Amino acid sequence: MKHNKLITLFAAWLALVAAPTLGQAAPALEANLTEECVAEYDPDVDYFPDKVTITDAVNFSVEYFNNYKLVTVTNAFDGAEPFTYVLVQCGTPAPEADDFPVGTQFIEVPAGNIIAMSTTQLPHLTDLGLLDKLVGLDSFLFVNSPEVRQLINDGKLVEIGSGAEVNAELVLETDPDIVMTFGFNPSTDAHPVLIQAGIFTALNAEWREPTPLARAEWIKYTALFYNAEARAEQVYADIVAAYDEARRLAASVPEAQRPVVLWNTYSSFSESWSIPGAETYVGALIRDAGGIIALSDEAPQNSASLSFEAVYGGALEADVWVTNAFMVNTLDDLLALDSRYADFAAVKEGNVWNNSLDVNENGGNNYFEKGVTNPHLILRDLVAIFHPQLLPDHQFNFYLRLEPKGQ
């Protein structure tokens, strides 16, 4: 009897000692490793305690595992199959390649040097404190960022070209960890050439996102390659807060006081005038800034391509005209494109604007570089245009009122 009691007491003691460990979660780091590799690998450690939560973007996703991330990019271009990337914490073993779709690319993180093939990616590197990783661009011509232009002037960046004519040999000589590009058509894009050359190539599909905040959230995509999730979450939260503040300001204007906004100009190249739909990136900007899209019945969801005559007949009395015309800085420049523009009410009332305020000497427009990651700056500009009384002291970021030459 005494012997059985001792056994029972020992079993109870053993259960007490073991209890805290049986239910414990795997140990975790306090923060992601953004500079160093793992010295001693432990399969039970979560090496990515800082994670992103994707709230607006729909074209990329991430799944976290203890020592790697599975990143998927969808809808990179029309007809594109998903692109998958396995991001392995350096110093830890990579998972078996056979467990992933054919064509999956593997990379160790935090990554090193990067070549960016779109200026829209440059604010990501700047805001995440990663500009020292930049070693190349597709072209120097259209860069607006003062910090990147300084790197160009100092001879610290290479220029690799674009599309199918990309200089893969120069990329191999430069030896970046990542080339970040985008896709339109695989027959003319750079990514098939780069991938065939064995270069890790990450596609960025921000331009396919339907809303301004969704495009801005791609800063988290770039952050994934550098374990910079914590920084990206904070940057994006600040962007969302500023965007929502401007949106709430515009929402205070009654519907009856909202201007009808004509967008774009007639394109002689496509022989049409593109009118944004309500469910497009531009449609969201106009709506969030407290405007009404001219000819919205013609483009209830997606954009519509109309003839000049259709726009002339249906939007001649629009209150505001945002032209988005290349190299147009005065009313004279605009009227030189087509004299019939003089008949539009917005021209007569002096309420014509263009996104040409911050353009470099080669036509590189900061609206397309800085604006994608900072849609709150675009939105505040539009609120100030549509409802100047709401932001009477606003300093414009991208938009310029078109005046007659000499004024």
Protein backbone atom coordinates (compact mmCIF):
# COMPACT_ATOMS: atom_id res chain seq x y z
CA MET A 1 0.00 0.00 0.00
CA LYS A 2 2.81 2.40 0.99
CA HIS A 3 4.64 1.53 -2.23
CA ASN A 4 1.56 2.36 -4.35
CA LYS A 5 1.15 5.69 -2.55
CA LEU A 6 4.74 6.65 -3.34
CA ILE A 7 4.18 5.84 -7.01
CA THR A 8 1.03 7.97 -7.04
CA LEU A 9 2.81 10.93 -5.41
CA PHE A 10 5.71 10.65 -7.86
CA ALA A 11 3.31 10.60 -10.82
CA ALA A 12 1.54 13.69 -9.49
CA TRP A 13 4.87 15.52 -9.05
CA LEU A 14 5.94 14.56 -12.55
CA ALA A 15 2.66 15.89 -13.94
CA LEU A 16 3.19 19.23 -12.16
CA VAL A 17 6.73 19.56 -13.50
CA ALA A 18 5.72 18.64 -17.03
CA ALA A 19 2.52 20.70 -17.17
CA PRO A 20 4.06 24.09 -17.99
CA THR A 21 5.96 22.69 -20.96
CA LEU A 22 3.19 20.59 -22.46
CA GLY A 23 0.96 23.57 -23.29
CA GLN A 24 3.67 26.10 -24.13
CA ALA A 25 3.68 27.77 -27.54
CA ALA A 26 6.84 27.55 -29.61
CA PRO A 27 9.42 30.10 -28.46
CA ALA A 28 9.53 33.28 -30.52
CA LEU A 29 11.94 36.09 -31.21
CA GLU A 30 11.08 39.56 -29.95
CA ALA A 31 11.37 41.03 -33.46
CA ASN A 32 12.19 39.99 -37.00
CA LEU A 33 15.85 39.71 -37.93
CA THR A 34 16.41 42.62 -40.33
CA GLU A 35 20.21 42.55 -40.51
CA GLU A 36 21.56 39.18 -39.47
CA CYS A 37 21.06 35.48 -40.08
CA VAL A 38 20.18 32.79 -37.58
CA ALA A 39 23.25 31.41 -35.79
CA GLU A 40 21.63 28.32 -34.24
CA TYR A 41 18.48 27.04 -35.91
CA ASP A 42 15.61 25.84 -33.72
CA PRO A 43 12.64 24.41 -35.66
CA ASP A 44 10.30 25.40 -32.82
CA VAL A 45 11.15 29.10 -33.01
CA ASP A 46 8.88 31.52 -34.85
CA TYR A 47 11.42 33.63 -36.73
CA PHE A 48 8.80 36.13 -37.92
CA PRO A 49 7.10 37.56 -34.83
CA ASP A 50 6.44 40.76 -36.80
CA LYS A 51 3.83 39.94 -39.44
CA VAL A 52 1.80 41.98 -41.90
CA THR A 53 -1.96 41.92 -42.10
CA ILE A 54 -3.25 42.71 -45.57
CA THR A 55 -6.40 44.81 -45.37
CA ASP A 56 -6.87 46.48 -48.77
CA ALA A 57 -4.65 44.88 -51.41
CA VAL A 58 -6.12 41.90 -53.26
CA ASN A 59 -3.30 40.89 -55.59
CA PHE A 60 -0.79 39.52 -53.10
CA SER A 61 -0.92 37.35 -50.01
CA VAL A 62 1.48 35.87 -47.49
CA GLU A 63 1.40 32.74 -45.35
CA TYR A 64 3.82 32.55 -42.42
CA PHE A 65 5.61 29.43 -41.27
CA ASN A 66 8.21 29.26 -38.52
CA ASN A 67 11.23 29.90 -40.73
CA TYR A 68 9.80 30.84 -44.14
CA LYS A 69 7.03 32.86 -45.79
CA LEU A 70 5.01 31.81 -48.82
CA VAL A 71 4.16 34.89 -50.89
CA THR A 72 1.72 34.70 -53.79
CA VAL A 73 1.09 37.37 -56.43
CA THR A 74 -2.07 37.03 -58.49
CA ASN A 75 -3.48 39.01 -61.43
CA ALA A 76 -0.06 40.43 -62.31
CA PHE A 77 -1.32 40.93 -65.87
CA ASP A 78 -4.20 39.67 -68.00
CA GLY A 79 -4.22 35.89 -68.01
CA ALA A 80 -1.34 35.56 -65.53
CA GLU A 81 -1.00 32.44 -63.42
CA PRO A 82 -0.06 33.07 -59.78
CA PHE A 83 3.59 33.78 -59.04
CA THR A 84 4.84 32.16 -55.84
CA TYR A 85 7.91 33.01 -53.78
CA VAL A 86 9.36 31.22 -50.75
CA LEU A 87 11.21 33.62 -48.46
CA VAL A 88 13.48 31.62 -46.16
CA GLN A 89 15.02 33.12 -43.03
CA CYS A 90 18.75 32.96 -43.71
CA GLY A 91 20.57 30.54 -41.45
CA THR A 92 17.64 28.12 -41.53
CA PRO A 93 16.91 25.23 -43.92
CA ALA A 94 14.69 25.83 -46.94
CA PRO A 95 11.58 23.65 -47.33
CA GLU A 96 11.49 21.06 -50.08
CA ALA A 97 10.95 22.64 -53.50
CA ASP A 98 8.66 19.76 -54.50
CA ASP A 99 6.11 21.00 -51.96
CA PHE A 100 5.42 24.14 -54.02
CA PRO A 101 4.09 24.92 -57.50
CA VAL A 102 6.43 24.56 -60.46
CA GLY A 103 8.25 27.84 -61.06
CA THR A 104 8.29 28.89 -57.40
CA GLN A 105 11.33 31.04 -56.69
CA PHE A 106 13.29 30.81 -53.44
CA ILE A 107 15.19 33.60 -51.70
CA GLU A 108 16.83 34.06 -48.31
CA VAL A 109 15.65 36.96 -46.17
CA PRO A 110 16.47 39.56 -45.12
CA ALA A 111 17.51 40.11 -48.72
CA GLY A 112 20.39 42.26 -49.86
CA ASN A 113 20.68 44.46 -52.94
CA ILE A 114 17.73 45.23 -55.19
CA ILE A 115 17.13 46.57 -58.69
CA ALA A 116 13.80 48.40 -59.06
CA MET A 117 12.18 48.45 -62.50
CA SER A 118 9.46 50.96 -61.63
CA THR A 119 9.78 54.35 -59.96
CA THR A 120 6.70 53.46 -57.89
CA GLN A 121 8.91 51.08 -55.92
CA LEU A 122 11.36 53.79 -54.84
CA PRO A 123 9.16 55.28 -52.08
CA HIS A 124 8.94 51.79 -50.58
CA LEU A 125 12.70 51.65 -50.18
CA THR A 126 12.86 55.20 -48.86
CA ASP A 127 10.05 54.80 -46.32
CA LEU A 128 11.34 51.44 -45.12
CA GLY A 129 14.89 52.72 -44.66
CA LEU A 130 16.19 50.39 -47.39
CA LEU A 131 17.52 52.84 -49.95
CA ASP A 132 21.07 51.65 -49.27
CA LYS A 133 20.01 48.33 -50.85
CA LEU A 134 19.21 49.94 -54.22
CA VAL A 135 21.85 49.17 -56.88
CA GLY A 136 19.99 49.68 -60.14
CA LEU A 137 16.97 50.90 -62.10
CA ASP A 138 15.42 50.16 -65.45
CA SER A 139 15.95 53.81 -66.49
CA PHE A 140 17.34 56.94 -64.87
CA LEU A 141 15.20 59.29 -66.96
CA PHE A 142 12.00 59.49 -64.97
CA VAL A 143 13.25 59.47 -61.37
CA ASN A 144 12.07 62.32 -59.15
CA SER A 145 13.29 61.24 -55.71
CA PRO A 146 16.15 63.57 -54.68
CA GLU A 147 17.84 60.76 -52.76
CA VAL A 148 17.77 58.41 -55.75
CA ARG A 149 18.87 61.13 -58.16
CA GLN A 150 21.85 61.72 -55.89
CA LEU A 151 22.73 58.02 -56.10
CA ILE A 152 22.52 58.30 -59.90
CA ASN A 153 24.75 61.39 -59.93
CA ASP A 154 27.26 59.63 -57.68
CA GLY A 155 27.47 56.71 -60.11
CA LYS A 156 26.18 54.20 -57.56
CA LEU A 157 23.38 52.74 -59.70
CA VAL A 158 23.30 50.76 -62.94
CA GLU A 159 20.71 51.21 -65.69
CA ILE A 160 19.52 47.84 -67.01
CA GLY A 161 16.90 48.77 -69.62
CA SER A 162 13.31 47.63 -69.80
CA GLY A 163 11.01 45.06 -71.33
CA ALA A 164 12.39 42.15 -73.30
CA GLU A 165 15.46 44.29 -74.07
CA VAL A 166 16.55 44.22 -70.42
CA ASN A 167 20.31 43.72 -70.06
CA ALA A 168 20.39 40.41 -68.18
CA GLU A 169 24.20 40.23 -68.43
CA LEU A 170 24.55 43.55 -66.62
CA VAL A 171 22.12 42.35 -63.98
CA LEU A 172 24.20 39.21 -63.46
CA GLU A 173 27.35 41.32 -63.14
CA THR A 174 25.64 43.58 -60.60
CA ASP A 175 24.51 40.48 -58.68
CA PRO A 176 21.41 41.78 -56.87
CA ASP A 177 19.41 39.53 -54.59
CA ILE A 178 16.18 40.81 -56.14
CA VAL A 179 14.99 42.46 -59.32
CA MET A 180 11.52 43.84 -58.70
CA THR A 181 9.54 44.34 -61.88
CA PHE A 182 5.98 44.24 -63.21
CA GLY A 183 4.09 42.62 -66.05
CA PHE A 184 1.95 43.63 -69.01
CA ASN A 185 2.61 41.01 -71.67
CA PRO A 186 5.10 38.14 -71.23
CA SER A 187 6.19 38.44 -74.86
CA THR A 188 7.52 41.95 -74.25
CA ASP A 189 8.13 41.96 -70.47
CA ALA A 190 11.45 41.76 -68.67
CA HIS A 191 10.54 39.06 -66.17
CA PRO A 192 10.71 36.02 -68.49
CA VAL A 193 14.21 37.08 -69.63
CA LEU A 194 15.42 37.62 -66.07
CA ILE A 195 13.95 34.41 -64.67
CA GLN A 196 15.42 32.38 -67.53
CA ALA A 197 18.82 33.88 -66.66
CA GLY A 198 18.45 32.54 -63.12
CA ILE A 199 17.85 35.94 -61.52
CA PHE A 200 15.39 36.12 -58.64
CA THR A 201 12.60 38.30 -60.05
CA ALA A 202 9.64 39.47 -58.01
CA LEU A 203 6.60 40.80 -59.82
CA ASN A 204 4.83 43.80 -58.35
CA ALA A 205 1.15 44.01 -59.36
CA GLU A 206 0.18 47.16 -57.48
CA TRP A 207 -1.02 48.80 -60.70
CA ARG A 208 -3.76 46.18 -60.95
CA GLU A 209 -5.31 47.13 -57.61
CA PRO A 210 -8.71 48.86 -57.77
CA THR A 211 -8.32 51.42 -54.97
CA PRO A 212 -5.69 53.96 -53.88
CA LEU A 213 -5.12 52.35 -50.49
CA ALA A 214 -4.81 48.91 -52.05
CA ARG A 215 -1.98 50.16 -54.25
CA ALA A 216 -0.29 51.87 -51.33
CA GLU A 217 -0.40 48.66 -49.28
CA TRP A 218 2.16 47.08 -51.61
CA ILE A 219 4.81 48.67 -49.42
CA LYS A 220 4.16 45.59 -47.26
CA TYR A 221 5.07 43.37 -50.21
CA THR A 222 8.49 44.97 -50.50
CA ALA A 223 8.90 44.77 -46.72
CA LEU A 224 8.41 40.98 -46.76
CA PHE A 225 11.74 40.52 -48.55
CA TYR A 226 13.56 42.45 -45.83
CA ASN A 227 11.73 41.24 -42.72
CA ALA A 228 10.63 44.86 -42.34
CA GLU A 229 7.01 44.05 -41.53
CA ALA A 230 6.89 46.15 -38.35
CA ARG A 231 8.05 49.26 -40.15
CA ALA A 232 5.69 48.67 -43.09
CA GLU A 233 2.69 48.24 -40.80
CA GLN A 234 3.42 51.59 -39.14
CA VAL A 235 4.02 53.43 -42.42
CA TYR A 236 0.83 52.07 -43.93
CA ALA A 237 -1.21 52.84 -40.80
CA ASP A 238 -0.08 56.47 -41.06
CA ILE A 239 -1.06 56.58 -44.75
CA VAL A 240 -4.51 55.14 -44.02
CA ALA A 241 -5.07 57.60 -41.18
CA ALA A 242 -4.18 60.58 -43.38
CA TYR A 243 -6.29 59.28 -46.27
CA ASP A 244 -9.29 58.68 -44.03
CA GLU A 245 -8.97 62.15 -42.54
CA ALA A 246 -9.16 63.73 -46.01
CA ARG A 247 -11.99 61.40 -47.01
CA ARG A 248 -14.03 62.33 -43.94
CA LEU A 249 -13.47 66.00 -44.67
CA ALA A 250 -14.87 65.61 -48.19
CA ALA A 251 -17.75 63.47 -46.94
CA SER A 252 -18.99 66.45 -44.92
CA VAL A 253 -20.04 68.21 -48.15
CA PRO A 254 -23.71 67.65 -49.08
CA GLU A 255 -24.35 65.75 -52.30
CA ALA A 256 -25.97 68.77 -53.93
CA GLN A 257 -22.76 70.79 -53.48
CA ARG A 258 -20.41 68.28 -55.06
CA PRO A 259 -18.87 69.25 -58.41
CA VAL A 260 -19.15 67.26 -61.61
CA VAL A 261 -15.60 66.29 -62.55
CA LEU A 262 -14.42 65.66 -66.10
CA TRP A 263 -11.31 63.45 -66.15
CA ASN A 264 -8.61 63.07 -68.82
CA THR A 265 -8.42 64.46 -72.37
CA TYR A 266 -9.02 63.01 -75.80
CA SER A 267 -6.19 60.73 -76.94
CA SER A 268 -5.31 60.95 -80.60
CA PHE A 269 -3.30 57.74 -80.16
CA SER A 270 -6.29 55.62 -79.09
CA GLU A 271 -8.83 57.93 -80.77
CA SER A 272 -10.90 57.95 -77.59
CA TRP A 273 -11.49 59.73 -74.30
CA SER A 274 -11.15 57.48 -71.24
CA ILE A 275 -13.83 58.07 -68.61
CA PRO A 276 -13.14 56.38 -65.24
CA GLY A 277 -15.68 53.98 -63.83
CA ALA A 278 -16.94 54.09 -60.27
CA GLU A 279 -15.03 50.93 -59.30
CA THR A 280 -11.67 52.05 -60.66
CA TYR A 281 -8.67 53.58 -58.92
CA VAL A 282 -9.51 57.04 -60.28
CA GLY A 283 -13.20 56.58 -59.60
CA ALA A 284 -12.38 55.95 -55.93
CA LEU A 285 -10.23 59.09 -55.78
CA ILE A 286 -12.95 61.27 -57.28
CA ARG A 287 -15.62 59.81 -54.99
CA ASP A 288 -13.45 60.03 -51.86
CA ALA A 289 -12.59 63.65 -52.69
CA GLY A 290 -16.27 64.57 -52.87
CA GLY A 291 -16.70 64.75 -56.63
CA ILE A 292 -19.15 63.30 -59.15
CA ILE A 293 -17.71 61.62 -62.25
CA ALA A 294 -18.84 63.27 -65.46
CA LEU A 295 -20.54 60.77 -67.81
CA SER A 296 -20.64 58.19 -65.01
CA ASP A 297 -23.65 56.56 -66.66
CA GLU A 298 -21.35 55.59 -69.52
CA ALA A 299 -18.87 53.99 -67.09
CA PRO A 300 -20.91 52.62 -64.16
CA GLN A 301 -18.13 50.24 -63.04
CA ASN A 302 -15.09 50.01 -65.29
CA SER A 303 -13.65 52.74 -67.46
CA ALA A 304 -15.28 53.55 -70.80
CA SER A 305 -13.67 54.81 -74.00
CA LEU A 306 -15.81 57.51 -75.59
CA SER A 307 -15.51 59.63 -78.68
CA PHE A 308 -14.65 63.32 -78.45
CA GLU A 309 -18.15 64.13 -79.64
CA ALA A 310 -19.75 62.03 -76.88
CA VAL A 311 -17.76 63.84 -74.20
CA TYR A 312 -18.35 67.21 -75.81
CA GLY A 313 -22.07 66.57 -75.86
CA GLY A 314 -22.32 65.11 -72.37
CA ALA A 315 -19.71 66.88 -70.23
CA LEU A 316 -19.37 70.35 -71.67
CA GLU A 317 -20.78 71.88 -68.46
CA ALA A 318 -18.65 69.90 -66.00
CA ASP A 319 -17.62 72.08 -63.05
CA VAL A 320 -14.01 70.87 -62.85
CA TRP A 321 -11.71 69.41 -65.47
CA VAL A 322 -8.68 67.33 -64.46
CA THR A 323 -6.82 66.81 -67.73
CA ASN A 324 -3.91 64.48 -66.83
CA ALA A 325 -2.27 65.57 -70.10
CA PHE A 326 1.43 64.94 -70.76
CA MET A 327 3.61 68.08 -70.86
CA VAL A 328 0.63 70.43 -70.55
CA ASN A 329 1.36 73.29 -68.13
CA THR A 330 -0.79 76.16 -69.43
CA LEU A 331 -4.20 76.67 -71.00
CA ASP A 332 -2.41 77.52 -74.22
CA ASP A 333 -0.75 74.09 -74.17
CA LEU A 334 -4.16 72.48 -73.70
CA LEU A 335 -5.92 74.47 -76.41
CA ALA A 336 -3.07 73.69 -78.80
CA LEU A 337 -4.16 70.05 -78.58
CA ASP A 338 -7.70 70.89 -79.74
CA SER A 339 -9.28 74.32 -80.06
CA ARG A 340 -12.69 72.89 -79.13
CA TYR A 341 -11.50 72.60 -75.53
CA ALA A 342 -12.14 76.34 -75.23
CA ASP A 343 -15.89 75.60 -75.26
CA PHE A 344 -15.80 73.65 -71.97
CA ALA A 345 -17.27 75.45 -68.97
CA ALA A 346 -14.29 74.59 -66.76
CA VAL A 347 -11.98 76.36 -69.22
CA LYS A 348 -14.18 79.45 -69.24
CA GLU A 349 -14.36 79.43 -65.41
CA GLY A 350 -10.63 78.83 -64.92
CA ASN A 351 -11.12 75.50 -63.20
CA VAL A 352 -8.85 73.25 -65.27
CA TRP A 353 -6.08 71.30 -63.55
CA ASN A 354 -3.26 68.99 -64.55
CA ASN A 355 -1.08 66.64 -62.52
CA SER A 356 2.06 68.32 -63.86
CA LEU A 357 3.21 70.34 -60.85
CA ASP A 358 6.13 68.04 -59.97
CA VAL A 359 7.69 66.78 -63.20
CA ASN A 360 11.39 66.37 -63.94
CA GLU A 361 13.22 67.54 -67.05
CA ASN A 362 12.50 64.27 -68.88
CA GLY A 363 8.78 64.21 -68.12
CA GLY A 364 9.05 61.90 -65.13
CA ASN A 365 5.99 62.72 -63.06
CA ASN A 366 6.11 62.42 -59.27
CA TYR A 367 2.35 61.84 -59.31
CA PHE A 368 3.15 58.35 -60.58
CA GLU A 369 6.25 57.87 -58.42
CA LYS A 370 5.47 59.26 -54.98
CA GLY A 371 1.70 59.39 -55.39
CA VAL A 372 1.08 55.64 -55.63
CA THR A 373 2.43 54.98 -52.14
CA ASN A 374 1.06 58.27 -50.79
CA PRO A 375 -2.53 58.48 -52.07
CA HIS A 376 -3.44 60.76 -49.17
CA LEU A 377 -1.35 63.46 -50.86
CA ILE A 378 -3.29 63.03 -54.12
CA LEU A 379 -6.59 62.98 -52.25
CA ARG A 380 -5.82 66.18 -50.36
CA ASP A 381 -4.98 67.87 -53.66
CA LEU A 382 -8.31 66.79 -55.12
CA VAL A 383 -10.26 67.85 -52.05
CA ALA A 384 -8.63 71.27 -52.32
CA ILE A 385 -9.61 71.46 -56.01
CA PHE A 386 -13.20 70.25 -55.59
CA HIS A 387 -13.87 72.04 -52.28
CA PRO A 388 -11.29 74.81 -51.81
CA GLN A 389 -13.11 76.10 -48.74
CA LEU A 390 -12.21 72.91 -46.87
CA LEU A 391 -8.45 73.35 -47.31
CA PRO A 392 -7.92 77.08 -47.86
CA ASP A 393 -4.17 77.02 -47.13
CA HIS A 394 -3.38 73.81 -48.98
CA GLN A 395 0.01 73.52 -50.65
CA PHE A 396 -0.43 71.34 -53.74
CA ASN A 397 1.71 68.26 -54.20
CA PHE A 398 0.95 67.20 -57.78
CA TYR A 399 -1.77 69.38 -59.31
CA LEU A 400 -1.38 72.66 -61.14
CA ARG A 401 -4.16 75.02 -62.17
CA LEU A 402 -3.83 75.71 -65.90
CA GLU A 403 -3.59 79.45 -66.62
CA PRO A 404 -3.09 81.30 -69.90
CA LYS A 405 0.59 81.53 -70.84
CA GLY A 406 2.27 84.47 -69.18
CA GLN A 407 0.05 84.54 -66.10
